[in-house]
Amino acid sequence: MTEGAALRTGDIPDELTAAEAGMWQAFRNGSVYDLRSGDIVVDDPHGGQPWGPERTVRARIVCWLLLDGPPALAGRVSSLKLTGVQIADSMDLAGGTVVPYVELTGCRFEREVRLPEARFTTVRLVNCSVPRLEAARVQTEGDLHLPRSRFLSGMRLTDAQIGTDLLLNQAIVYRDRSGRSIAADGLNVGQDLQAELLESHGELSLRSATVGVSLSLRGARLRNPYGRLALNAPQLTVERTLYLTPAGVGGLQLSGRTPAQGTRVQRFECQGGLRLDDGRFGDAVDLDGARLVLTDDQELSLRRVQVPELRFLGERPQRGKVVLSGARIVNLVDRASSWPGPGHLHMPGFTYENLVPQGPFPLAERLEWVAAATAEYNPDPYERLAAVLRAGGEDEDAREVLLAKQRRRRETLPPAAKIVGYAQDWTVAYGYRPGRAAVWMAVLWAAGSLAFAHAGRPEAGGGSAADPPWNPALFALDLLLPVIDLGQAGVWQLRGGWQWLGAALVLLGWVLATTVAAGATRLLRRN
C-alpha cells in the first residue's frame, strides 16, 4: 500500500515493522504504546542492556506520524505516547509543525533529537536517554517537560519560546563540545522554569533569558570543572523569584514546598562561577542554604542586580569572591556566617534600604562586613549602612558606623593629619560623641584654674584701673573658649613657662570647638 493511500485510509503501510505497526495503531487511538519487558534492569533507558528490534522503531516513522500522520479513529484524538521504546537514527523535526500531543516515557534515542524552529503544542520526554537535544528557536503552545532525562552531549534551547512551563527536574545534562551543558540564551518561558535536583556537568547558560513566573534550581548541582562559570545568566529576567535553595529528595511534591520532617534534603550546590549580572527579579533571589565552591578566580557575581529582596543565607564561600557592585536591593536578608572574609567581598555602589538579619548580627560584625568589602578606603559602604540604621531608628549605631568610617579614613592620611585625627578621636570621637567635649572642657578648665591659682597674679597688660580683677578660673575659661571674650585673656599677660600652658589651652580649645562644630553640622544636615 502506498504512503498516500495509507494516510487517507489510516491503514498500516506495508513497509512498517511489527513494532512500528503497533505504534501506528496506538497513534490513531491516542493510547499509550508500551514495549517494556517488565524487568527493571532491562527497561532502564540509561542502562547498558540492549533493546532488540521488537522494541525499536525508526525515527523516520515517528516523524511521519507527527508531521503527516493518519487520521484518528472515530471519537479519538491522535497522539504519540511511547513507553520503553528505542528510536533508531536521528529524529529530525526541524522547521516542522507538530499538532499531536507528544509524550515519551522511559525511551531511548540512538542519535540526537533535532527540533530547531519546530512548533509543538506540548512535548514531554520523561526519563529518556538522549544523546543530544538540538532545539534552538523551538516553540510550544504548552509545556516542554524533560524530567529525569539524561542528555549525554548537552541540549540547545537558544531563543526557544515555551508557552507555559519548562520542566527539567532531576535531569542530568553533560557538556557538549563547546563546554556547555544547557545553552539557553534568549530563552523565553511563559510561566515557571523548574530545574529542581538538576545535575549539570558544564556551563548552564541562560543569558538574556526571561521567565514569566519563577525559576527554581532547588537542590540542583551545577558543576563545571572545565571553565570559570557553572551558571552564566547575565541579564536574566524572572518576574517572581529565583530559588537557589534546598529540595527534598524522593518526595512527590518538590516545587514550592518545605520538605516533610525526616525527608532527605539536598542543598543547591554550585561548583564554579555563578553570574547574574544586570538581572531583574520581581520578588527575590533566594540563596538560603546554598553552597558555592569557587576557585580563587571565580565569583558569585551580582553586579547591577535589581531585586526587592536578596536572601543571602547560604554557606560561606571559602574561596573566590562575592561581588555586589552596583546592585540595588530593598531588603537584604542575611546571616553573619554567610559572608566571606576580607578580600573576598566587593560591593562599591551597592545600595539597600533595609537590613533583616537572621540570627545574631551585632554591630561589630556588621562593621567587619563593611571593612571586608573595602580593601581600600571607600566611604560609600559606611554611609549606606549608617543611613539604613538611621532610617530604622538606630541613631546610636549609625553614629558608631560613621565613627568607624572616620577611623578608616585616618589610615589613608599623612602623618601630621593622622596626629590631628587621633587627637579628635581621643577627645570627642570626631564629634560623634559630643558629650566627651564637655568632660574634656571641664577637666582642662579645672586643671587650668588650679595651675593659674598657684601661679600668682600676672602683670596687667592694660595698666588701667578699669581692668577686671584677676580671676584664675575665668582666665582659664577665656583661653579655652575660642571667639567668646570673657575680658580676662586680653588683660593679663603670662610670663615664662606659663605662656606655654596658656598656648596649650588655646590650642586644645580650638580642637574641641572645631570638632564639636563639625559634629553639630553633620547633625543639622541630617535633620
Protein backbone atom coordinates (compact mmCIF):
# COMPACT_ATOMS: atom_id res chain seq x y z
CA MET A 1 0.00 0.00 0.00
CA THR A 2 1.35 3.46 -0.90
CA GLU A 3 2.04 6.11 1.71
CA GLY A 4 -0.66 8.41 0.27
CA ALA A 5 -3.29 5.70 0.43
CA ALA A 6 -2.30 4.80 3.96
CA LEU A 7 -2.65 8.42 5.07
CA ARG A 8 -6.10 8.73 3.52
CA THR A 9 -7.48 5.49 4.95
CA GLY A 10 -5.37 5.17 8.07
CA ASP A 11 -4.35 1.65 7.11
CA ILE A 12 -0.94 0.40 8.20
CA PRO A 13 1.68 0.76 5.42
CA ASP A 14 3.33 -2.45 4.30
CA GLU A 15 6.85 -1.21 4.99
CA LEU A 16 6.35 -0.95 8.76
CA THR A 17 7.85 -3.45 11.18
CA ALA A 18 5.69 -5.10 13.80
CA ALA A 19 6.81 -2.59 16.44
CA GLU A 20 6.09 0.33 14.11
CA ALA A 21 2.69 -1.08 13.15
CA GLY A 22 1.72 -1.21 16.81
CA MET A 23 2.89 2.39 17.24
CA TRP A 24 0.81 3.39 14.18
CA GLN A 25 -2.34 1.91 15.66
CA ALA A 26 -1.71 3.41 19.11
CA PHE A 27 -1.20 6.83 17.49
CA ARG A 28 -4.61 6.70 15.79
CA ASN A 29 -6.20 5.56 19.01
CA GLY A 30 -4.38 8.15 21.19
CA SER A 31 -3.33 5.39 23.59
CA VAL A 32 -0.01 4.58 25.27
CA TYR A 33 2.25 2.24 23.31
CA ASP A 34 4.22 0.35 25.97
CA LEU A 35 7.04 -2.03 24.97
CA ARG A 36 8.59 -2.58 28.39
CA SER A 37 9.64 -6.09 29.32
CA GLY A 38 8.75 -5.86 32.99
CA ASP A 39 12.38 -6.28 34.11
CA ILE A 40 13.50 -3.07 35.84
CA VAL A 41 17.14 -3.57 34.91
CA VAL A 42 16.43 -4.31 31.26
CA ASP A 43 13.88 -1.49 30.95
CA ASP A 44 16.24 1.16 32.32
CA PRO A 45 16.79 3.50 29.34
CA HIS A 46 20.10 4.67 30.83
CA GLY A 47 21.44 1.15 31.45
CA GLY A 48 23.58 -1.00 29.22
CA GLN A 49 21.06 -3.71 28.44
CA PRO A 50 20.43 -3.93 24.66
CA TRP A 51 16.94 -3.45 23.28
CA GLY A 52 16.21 -5.61 20.22
CA PRO A 53 14.18 -4.91 17.07
CA GLU A 54 10.98 -5.87 18.87
CA ARG A 55 11.35 -2.61 20.87
CA THR A 56 12.84 -0.43 18.14
CA VAL A 57 11.12 1.96 15.75
CA ARG A 58 12.72 4.13 13.09
CA ALA A 59 12.91 7.87 13.71
CA ARG A 60 11.59 8.46 10.16
CA ILE A 61 8.33 6.70 11.03
CA VAL A 62 7.97 8.72 14.22
CA CYS A 63 8.43 11.93 12.24
CA TRP A 64 5.92 10.68 9.64
CA LEU A 65 3.31 10.21 12.34
CA LEU A 66 3.94 13.59 13.94
CA LEU A 67 4.13 15.69 10.78
CA ASP A 68 1.71 13.94 8.46
CA GLY A 69 0.19 11.04 10.33
CA PRO A 70 -3.07 9.15 9.64
CA PRO A 71 -6.42 10.41 10.91
CA ALA A 72 -7.55 9.50 14.38
CA LEU A 73 -10.11 6.79 14.91
CA ALA A 74 -13.68 7.94 15.34
CA GLY A 75 -14.18 9.61 18.69
CA ARG A 76 -10.44 9.61 19.47
CA VAL A 77 -7.64 12.21 19.42
CA SER A 78 -4.42 11.12 17.80
CA SER A 79 -1.29 11.45 19.96
CA LEU A 80 2.13 9.87 20.27
CA LYS A 81 2.56 8.22 23.68
CA LEU A 82 5.50 5.82 23.78
CA THR A 83 6.89 3.94 26.77
CA GLY A 84 10.02 1.78 26.75
CA VAL A 85 10.64 2.28 23.01
CA GLN A 86 14.01 2.63 21.28
CA ILE A 87 14.14 5.14 18.44
CA ALA A 88 16.76 4.39 15.80
CA ASP A 89 18.59 7.04 13.78
CA SER A 90 18.26 10.79 14.29
CA MET A 91 14.79 12.19 14.88
CA ASP A 92 14.69 15.37 12.80
CA LEU A 93 11.63 17.63 13.04
CA ALA A 94 13.47 20.86 12.21
CA GLY A 95 11.10 23.55 10.99
CA GLY A 96 8.06 21.28 11.25
CA THR A 97 4.68 21.93 12.82
CA VAL A 98 3.56 19.14 15.14
CA VAL A 99 -0.08 19.21 16.18
CA PRO A 100 -0.47 15.90 18.09
CA TYR A 101 0.36 15.66 21.75
CA VAL A 102 3.81 14.06 22.32
CA GLU A 103 4.79 12.10 25.42
CA LEU A 104 7.72 9.67 25.52
CA THR A 105 8.47 7.91 28.80
CA GLY A 106 11.46 5.70 29.53
CA CYS A 107 12.54 5.76 25.87
CA ARG A 108 16.00 5.52 24.38
CA PHE A 109 17.23 7.55 21.41
CA GLU A 110 20.15 6.17 19.44
CA ARG A 111 21.08 9.55 17.99
CA GLU A 112 20.35 13.22 18.61
CA VAL A 113 16.90 14.76 18.58
CA ARG A 114 16.63 17.76 16.26
CA LEU A 115 13.81 20.23 16.86
CA PRO A 116 15.15 23.64 15.74
CA GLU A 117 12.40 26.08 14.74
CA ALA A 118 9.77 23.37 15.16
CA ARG A 119 6.31 24.14 16.56
CA PHE A 120 4.52 21.95 19.09
CA THR A 121 1.54 22.04 21.38
CA THR A 122 3.05 20.10 24.30
CA VAL A 123 6.14 17.86 24.41
CA ARG A 124 7.13 15.53 27.23
CA LEU A 125 10.28 13.42 27.29
CA VAL A 126 10.20 11.76 30.71
CA ASN A 127 13.13 9.63 31.93
CA CYS A 128 14.54 9.30 28.42
CA SER A 129 18.11 8.77 27.26
CA VAL A 130 19.00 11.34 24.59
CA PRO A 131 22.47 11.76 23.07
CA ARG A 132 21.74 15.44 22.38
CA LEU A 133 18.76 17.76 22.06
CA GLU A 134 19.01 20.46 19.39
CA ALA A 135 16.00 22.75 19.87
CA ALA A 136 17.09 26.30 19.07
CA ARG A 137 14.07 28.59 18.45
CA VAL A 138 11.63 25.76 19.15
CA GLN A 139 8.12 26.94 20.05
CA THR A 140 5.49 25.26 22.19
CA GLU A 141 1.99 26.45 22.98
CA GLY A 142 2.03 24.46 26.21
CA ASP A 143 4.76 22.73 28.21
CA LEU A 144 8.17 21.34 27.42
CA HIS A 145 8.87 18.64 30.01
CA LEU A 146 12.22 16.85 30.22
CA PRO A 147 12.26 15.47 33.79
CA ARG A 148 14.66 12.68 34.81
CA SER A 149 16.02 12.52 31.27
CA ARG A 150 19.73 12.30 30.51
CA PHE A 151 21.45 14.24 27.75
CA LEU A 152 24.89 12.89 27.06
CA SER A 153 26.10 15.78 24.88
CA GLY A 154 24.05 18.68 26.18
CA MET A 155 21.00 20.47 24.90
CA ARG A 156 20.41 23.67 22.99
CA LEU A 157 17.34 25.80 23.70
CA THR A 158 18.66 29.10 22.37
CA ASP A 159 15.81 31.60 21.74
CA ALA A 160 13.23 28.90 22.46
CA GLN A 161 9.67 30.07 23.18
CA ILE A 162 7.89 27.92 25.77
CA GLY A 163 4.22 28.80 26.18
CA THR A 164 3.76 27.66 29.77
CA ASP A 165 6.28 25.59 31.80
CA LEU A 166 9.77 24.25 31.14
CA LEU A 167 10.47 21.28 33.39
CA LEU A 168 13.99 19.92 33.92
CA ASN A 169 13.55 18.35 37.34
CA GLN A 170 16.13 15.64 38.10
CA ALA A 171 17.53 15.80 34.58
CA ILE A 172 21.23 15.02 34.07
CA VAL A 173 22.96 17.00 31.35
CA TYR A 174 26.58 16.62 30.25
CA ARG A 175 28.56 19.18 28.31
CA ASP A 176 28.82 19.48 24.56
CA ARG A 177 31.95 20.22 22.55
CA SER A 178 31.79 23.92 23.47
CA GLY A 179 31.73 23.13 27.21
CA ARG A 180 28.06 23.94 27.74
CA SER A 181 25.55 21.58 29.27
CA ILE A 182 22.47 23.69 28.55
CA ALA A 183 22.69 26.53 26.04
CA ALA A 184 19.51 28.53 26.55
CA ASP A 185 20.46 32.11 25.77
CA GLY A 186 17.40 34.20 24.92
CA LEU A 187 15.03 31.51 26.24
CA ASN A 188 11.50 32.72 26.97
CA VAL A 189 9.29 30.71 29.35
CA GLY A 190 5.70 31.84 29.81
CA GLN A 191 5.33 30.56 33.37
CA ASP A 192 7.73 28.50 35.53
CA LEU A 193 11.15 27.12 34.75
CA GLN A 194 11.68 24.25 37.17
CA ALA A 195 15.08 22.60 37.29
CA GLU A 196 14.98 21.10 40.77
CA LEU A 197 17.61 18.43 41.54
CA LEU A 198 19.12 19.09 38.11
CA GLU A 199 22.65 17.81 37.53
CA SER A 200 24.57 19.99 35.12
CA HIS A 201 28.11 19.00 34.07
CA GLY A 202 29.32 22.03 32.17
CA GLU A 203 28.14 25.62 31.76
CA LEU A 204 24.43 26.29 32.18
CA SER A 205 23.91 29.38 30.04
CA LEU A 206 20.76 31.50 30.44
CA ARG A 207 21.96 34.81 29.08
CA SER A 208 19.11 37.29 28.49
CA ALA A 209 16.54 34.60 29.31
CA THR A 210 13.05 35.56 30.52
CA VAL A 211 10.89 33.56 32.92
CA GLY A 212 7.27 34.63 33.36
CA VAL A 213 6.85 33.41 36.96
CA SER A 214 9.63 31.71 38.96
CA LEU A 215 12.92 29.96 38.24
CA SER A 216 13.60 27.10 40.64
CA LEU A 217 17.00 25.44 40.95
CA ARG A 218 16.19 23.92 44.33
CA GLY A 219 18.60 21.12 45.15
CA ALA A 220 20.37 21.45 41.78
CA ARG A 221 24.04 20.56 41.42
CA LEU A 222 25.89 22.65 38.89
CA ARG A 223 29.45 21.59 38.18
CA ASN A 224 31.84 22.97 35.62
CA PRO A 225 35.45 21.94 36.23
CA TYR A 226 36.20 22.80 32.60
CA GLY A 227 35.58 26.58 32.73
CA ARG A 228 35.04 29.57 35.01
CA LEU A 229 31.22 29.59 35.10
CA ALA A 230 28.79 26.91 36.16
CA LEU A 231 25.77 29.24 35.80
CA ASN A 232 26.10 32.04 33.29
CA ALA A 233 22.92 34.14 33.38
CA PRO A 234 23.58 37.86 32.86
CA GLN A 235 20.53 40.00 32.04
CA LEU A 236 18.23 37.25 33.30
CA THR A 237 14.66 38.42 33.95
CA VAL A 238 12.46 36.49 36.40
CA GLU A 239 9.07 38.01 37.18
CA ARG A 240 8.89 36.40 40.62
CA THR A 241 11.66 34.53 42.49
CA LEU A 242 14.92 32.78 41.68
CA TYR A 243 15.32 29.83 44.07
CA LEU A 244 18.85 28.56 44.77
CA THR A 245 17.74 26.64 47.84
CA PRO A 246 17.48 23.04 49.15
CA ALA A 247 14.95 20.47 47.94
CA GLY A 248 13.57 17.32 49.44
CA VAL A 249 14.84 14.16 47.76
CA GLY A 250 12.35 11.45 46.92
CA GLY A 251 9.18 13.42 47.58
CA LEU A 252 6.41 13.52 45.03
CA GLN A 253 5.84 17.22 45.62
CA LEU A 254 9.07 19.18 45.31
CA SER A 255 8.28 22.60 43.99
CA GLY A 256 7.45 25.36 46.41
CA ARG A 257 7.06 23.10 49.45
CA THR A 258 9.02 22.66 52.64
CA PRO A 259 10.27 19.06 52.84
CA ALA A 260 8.44 16.98 55.44
CA GLN A 261 10.25 16.03 58.61
CA GLY A 262 12.59 13.12 58.00
CA THR A 263 12.91 13.84 54.29
CA ARG A 264 16.47 13.84 52.99
CA VAL A 265 17.34 17.33 51.88
CA GLN A 266 19.74 18.20 49.08
CA ARG A 267 21.04 21.74 49.04
CA PHE A 268 21.73 23.80 45.96
CA GLU A 269 25.41 23.41 45.10
CA CYS A 270 27.41 25.31 42.51
CA GLN A 271 30.98 24.21 41.76
CA GLY A 272 32.11 27.03 39.52
CA GLY A 273 31.34 30.69 39.00
CA LEU A 274 27.78 31.99 39.19
CA ARG A 275 26.99 35.10 37.15
CA LEU A 276 23.71 37.02 37.45
CA ASP A 277 24.91 40.46 36.33
CA ASP A 278 22.21 43.01 35.34
CA GLY A 279 19.45 40.58 36.36
CA ARG A 280 15.91 41.76 37.12
CA PHE A 281 13.84 39.81 39.65
CA GLY A 282 10.31 40.72 40.67
CA ASP A 283 10.26 39.23 44.17
CA ALA A 284 13.52 37.76 45.43
CA VAL A 285 16.81 35.97 44.85
CA ASP A 286 16.91 33.23 47.46
CA LEU A 287 20.28 31.68 48.40
CA ASP A 288 19.10 30.05 51.63
CA GLY A 289 21.38 27.08 52.31
CA ALA A 290 23.26 27.43 49.02
CA ARG A 291 26.78 26.01 48.82
CA LEU A 292 29.24 27.73 46.48
CA VAL A 293 32.53 26.01 45.73
CA LEU A 294 34.73 28.55 43.96
CA THR A 295 38.35 28.77 42.92
CA ASP A 296 40.36 31.93 43.57
CA ASP A 297 39.48 33.43 40.17
CA GLN A 298 35.75 32.58 40.29
CA GLU A 299 32.90 34.76 41.57
CA LEU A 300 29.33 34.90 42.68
CA SER A 301 28.66 37.97 40.57
CA LEU A 302 25.54 40.05 41.28
CA ARG A 303 26.70 43.24 39.58
CA ARG A 304 23.87 45.75 39.00
CA VAL A 305 21.20 43.24 40.02
CA GLN A 306 17.82 44.77 40.85
CA VAL A 307 15.60 42.81 43.23
CA PRO A 308 13.23 43.65 46.10
CA GLU A 309 14.81 41.04 48.38
CA LEU A 310 18.15 39.25 48.45
CA ARG A 311 18.25 36.30 50.86
CA PHE A 312 21.96 35.77 51.37
CA LEU A 313 21.71 32.86 53.77
CA GLY A 314 23.98 30.25 52.25
CA GLU A 315 27.21 28.64 53.35
CA ARG A 316 30.22 30.98 53.46
CA PRO A 317 32.38 30.52 50.33
CA GLN A 318 35.89 29.53 51.35
CA ARG A 319 37.50 30.89 48.18
CA GLY A 320 36.58 33.14 45.29
CA LYS A 321 34.68 36.43 45.54
CA VAL A 322 31.18 37.71 46.12
CA VAL A 323 30.60 40.83 44.02
CA LEU A 324 27.62 43.17 44.57
CA SER A 325 28.90 46.22 42.73
CA GLY A 326 26.05 48.50 41.69
CA ALA A 327 23.34 46.11 42.91
CA ARG A 328 20.07 47.69 44.06
CA ILE A 329 18.12 45.83 46.74
CA VAL A 330 15.26 46.81 49.03
CA ASN A 331 15.53 44.13 51.76
CA LEU A 332 18.87 42.47 52.48
CA VAL A 333 18.13 39.29 54.44
CA ASP A 334 21.44 37.88 55.58
CA ARG A 335 23.36 35.96 58.18
CA ALA A 336 26.74 36.89 59.66
CA SER A 337 28.16 33.44 58.92
CA SER A 338 27.24 33.63 55.21
CA TRP A 339 29.52 36.47 54.14
CA PRO A 340 33.13 35.87 53.04
CA GLY A 341 36.10 37.48 54.73
CA PRO A 342 38.33 40.41 53.75
CA GLY A 343 39.41 40.48 50.14
CA HIS A 344 36.58 38.19 49.06
CA LEU A 345 33.69 40.68 49.17
CA HIS A 346 33.26 43.65 46.83
CA MET A 347 30.28 46.00 46.93
CA PRO A 348 31.07 49.52 45.64
CA GLY A 349 27.83 51.23 44.69
CA PHE A 350 25.76 48.55 46.43
CA THR A 351 22.51 50.03 47.77
CA TYR A 352 19.92 48.52 50.08
CA GLU A 353 17.11 50.05 52.12
CA ASN A 354 16.50 47.59 54.94
CA LEU A 355 18.59 45.05 56.85
CA VAL A 356 16.82 41.89 58.01
CA PRO A 357 19.46 39.76 59.76
CA GLN A 358 18.64 36.15 60.50
CA GLY A 359 20.20 35.29 63.83
CA PRO A 360 22.72 37.40 65.79
CA PHE A 361 24.45 40.06 63.74
CA PRO A 362 25.95 42.60 66.21
CA LEU A 363 27.17 45.96 65.01
CA ALA A 364 30.82 44.97 65.47
CA GLU A 365 30.38 42.11 62.99
CA ARG A 366 28.42 44.39 60.64
CA LEU A 367 31.38 46.79 60.66
CA GLU A 368 33.69 43.87 59.89
CA TRP A 369 31.36 43.06 56.98
CA VAL A 370 31.81 46.58 55.61
CA ALA A 371 35.57 46.51 56.20
CA ALA A 372 35.82 43.18 54.37
CA ALA A 373 34.27 44.81 51.31
CA THR A 374 36.66 47.79 51.24
CA ALA A 375 40.25 46.72 50.81
CA GLU A 376 40.97 50.42 50.15
CA TYR A 377 39.09 53.17 51.95
CA ASN A 378 35.69 53.88 50.41
CA PRO A 379 33.13 55.97 52.34
CA ASP A 380 30.07 54.71 50.42
CA PRO A 381 29.52 51.37 52.25
CA TYR A 382 29.80 53.09 55.63
CA GLU A 383 27.45 55.90 54.69
CA ARG A 384 24.92 53.47 53.22
CA LEU A 385 24.95 51.35 56.39
CA ALA A 386 24.60 54.44 58.58
CA ALA A 387 21.68 55.72 56.50
CA VAL A 388 19.86 52.39 56.76
CA LEU A 389 20.42 52.19 60.53
CA ARG A 390 19.27 55.77 60.99
CA ALA A 391 16.14 55.13 58.93
CA GLY A 392 15.41 52.21 61.24
CA GLY A 393 15.66 54.44 64.32
CA GLU A 394 19.09 53.16 65.41
CA ASP A 395 20.81 56.55 65.64
CA GLU A 396 23.47 55.44 68.13
CA ASP A 397 24.55 52.57 65.86
CA ALA A 398 24.56 54.93 62.88
CA ARG A 399 26.98 57.25 64.72
CA GLU A 400 29.23 54.27 65.53
CA VAL A 401 29.34 53.40 61.82
CA LEU A 402 30.28 56.95 60.84
CA LEU A 403 32.93 56.99 63.55
CA ALA A 404 34.35 53.77 62.11
CA LYS A 405 34.39 55.46 58.71
CA GLN A 406 36.49 58.34 60.09
CA ARG A 407 38.92 55.91 61.72
CA ARG A 408 39.26 54.01 58.46
CA ARG A 409 39.83 57.25 56.59
CA ARG A 410 42.53 58.23 59.08
CA GLU A 411 44.63 55.28 57.90
CA THR A 412 44.98 56.94 54.49
CA LEU A 413 46.12 60.36 55.79
CA PRO A 414 49.69 61.73 56.04
CA PRO A 415 51.38 61.60 59.47
CA ALA A 416 50.51 65.15 60.55
CA ALA A 417 46.85 64.70 59.70
CA LYS A 418 46.87 61.35 61.49
CA ILE A 419 48.05 63.05 64.68
CA VAL A 420 45.18 65.54 64.47
CA GLY A 421 42.83 62.69 63.76
CA TYR A 422 43.96 60.74 66.79
CA ALA A 423 43.51 63.86 68.92
CA GLN A 424 39.95 64.30 67.61
CA ASP A 425 39.22 60.65 68.19
CA TRP A 426 40.54 60.57 71.75
CA THR A 427 38.80 63.77 72.74
CA VAL A 428 35.34 63.83 71.13
CA ALA A 429 35.37 60.83 68.74
CA TYR A 430 35.30 63.11 65.67
CA GLY A 431 32.22 64.88 67.06
CA TYR A 432 30.07 61.75 67.09
CA ARG A 433 30.27 61.67 70.89
CA PRO A 434 29.90 65.39 71.77
CA GLY A 435 29.42 64.59 75.46
CA ARG A 436 33.14 63.93 75.63
CA ALA A 437 33.80 67.60 74.78
CA ALA A 438 32.07 68.78 77.94
CA VAL A 439 34.08 66.30 80.03
CA TRP A 440 37.38 67.35 78.46
CA MET A 441 36.46 71.00 78.77
CA ALA A 442 35.67 70.58 82.46
CA VAL A 443 38.92 68.70 83.06
CA LEU A 444 41.03 71.29 81.25
CA TRP A 445 39.20 74.15 82.93
CA ALA A 446 39.77 72.67 86.40
CA ALA A 447 43.43 71.95 85.66
CA GLY A 448 44.00 75.42 84.24
CA SER A 449 42.23 77.11 87.13
CA LEU A 450 44.34 75.27 89.70
CA ALA A 451 47.54 75.99 87.79
CA PHE A 452 46.86 79.69 87.41
CA ALA A 453 45.79 79.97 91.04
CA HIS A 454 49.23 78.70 92.08
CA ALA A 455 50.96 80.92 89.55
CA GLY A 456 50.04 84.08 91.33
CA ARG A 457 48.67 87.23 89.81
CA PRO A 458 50.27 88.04 86.42
CA GLU A 459 51.02 91.55 85.20
CA ALA A 460 48.16 93.54 83.74
CA GLY A 461 48.75 94.44 80.15
CA GLY A 462 46.45 97.48 80.09
CA GLY A 463 47.55 99.11 83.37
CA SER A 464 44.11 100.76 83.74
CA ALA A 465 42.09 100.99 86.90
CA ALA A 466 39.12 99.77 84.91
CA ASP A 467 40.76 96.40 84.28
CA PRO A 468 38.78 93.47 85.75
CA PRO A 469 40.16 91.81 88.86
CA TRP A 470 42.35 88.72 88.45
CA ASN A 471 40.27 85.52 88.41
CA PRO A 472 42.18 82.27 87.64
CA ALA A 473 39.01 80.31 86.79
CA LEU A 474 37.66 82.92 84.36
CA PHE A 475 41.12 83.38 82.84
CA ALA A 476 41.43 79.62 82.12
CA LEU A 477 37.90 79.53 80.68
CA ASP A 478 38.61 82.56 78.47
CA LEU A 479 41.63 80.77 77.00
CA LEU A 480 39.63 77.56 76.37
CA LEU A 481 36.64 79.18 74.67
CA PRO A 482 37.52 80.47 71.19
CA VAL A 483 35.70 83.51 69.81
CA ILE A 484 33.99 84.24 73.17
CA ASP A 485 35.75 87.04 75.12
CA LEU A 486 35.34 87.00 78.90
CA GLY A 487 37.63 90.03 79.38
CA GLN A 488 40.48 88.12 81.02
CA ALA A 489 42.82 86.84 78.33
CA GLY A 490 43.33 90.30 76.81
CA VAL A 491 44.20 91.95 80.12
CA TRP A 492 46.55 89.63 81.96
CA GLN A 493 49.90 88.78 80.43
CA LEU A 494 51.56 85.45 81.25
CA ARG A 495 55.34 85.16 81.56
CA GLY A 496 57.83 82.32 81.21
CA GLY A 497 56.55 78.75 81.20
CA TRP A 498 53.01 79.88 81.94
CA GLN A 499 52.82 81.19 78.38
CA TRP A 500 53.20 77.62 77.12
CA LEU A 501 50.37 76.47 79.35
CA GLY A 502 48.17 79.29 78.07
CA ALA A 503 49.02 78.42 74.44
CA ALA A 504 48.21 74.74 75.06
CA LEU A 505 44.81 75.68 76.48
CA VAL A 506 44.05 77.88 73.47
CA LEU A 507 45.06 75.13 71.04
CA LEU A 508 43.06 72.45 72.85
CA GLY A 509 40.08 74.76 73.00
CA TRP A 510 40.15 75.23 69.25
CA VAL A 511 40.44 71.47 68.64
CA LEU A 512 37.47 70.79 70.89
CA ALA A 513 35.40 73.58 69.40
CA THR A 514 36.01 72.69 65.76
CA THR A 515 35.32 69.02 66.35
CA VAL A 516 32.07 69.75 68.18
CA ALA A 517 31.09 72.21 65.44
CA ALA A 518 31.74 69.55 62.78
CA GLY A 519 29.57 67.08 64.68
CA ALA A 520 26.80 69.64 65.10
CA THR A 521 26.95 70.47 61.40
CA ARG A 522 26.52 66.79 60.48
CA LEU A 523 23.59 66.52 62.89
CA LEU A 524 21.87 69.59 61.47
CA ARG A 525 22.46 68.38 57.91
CA ARG A 526 20.83 65.01 58.70
CA ASN A 527 17.85 66.72 60.35
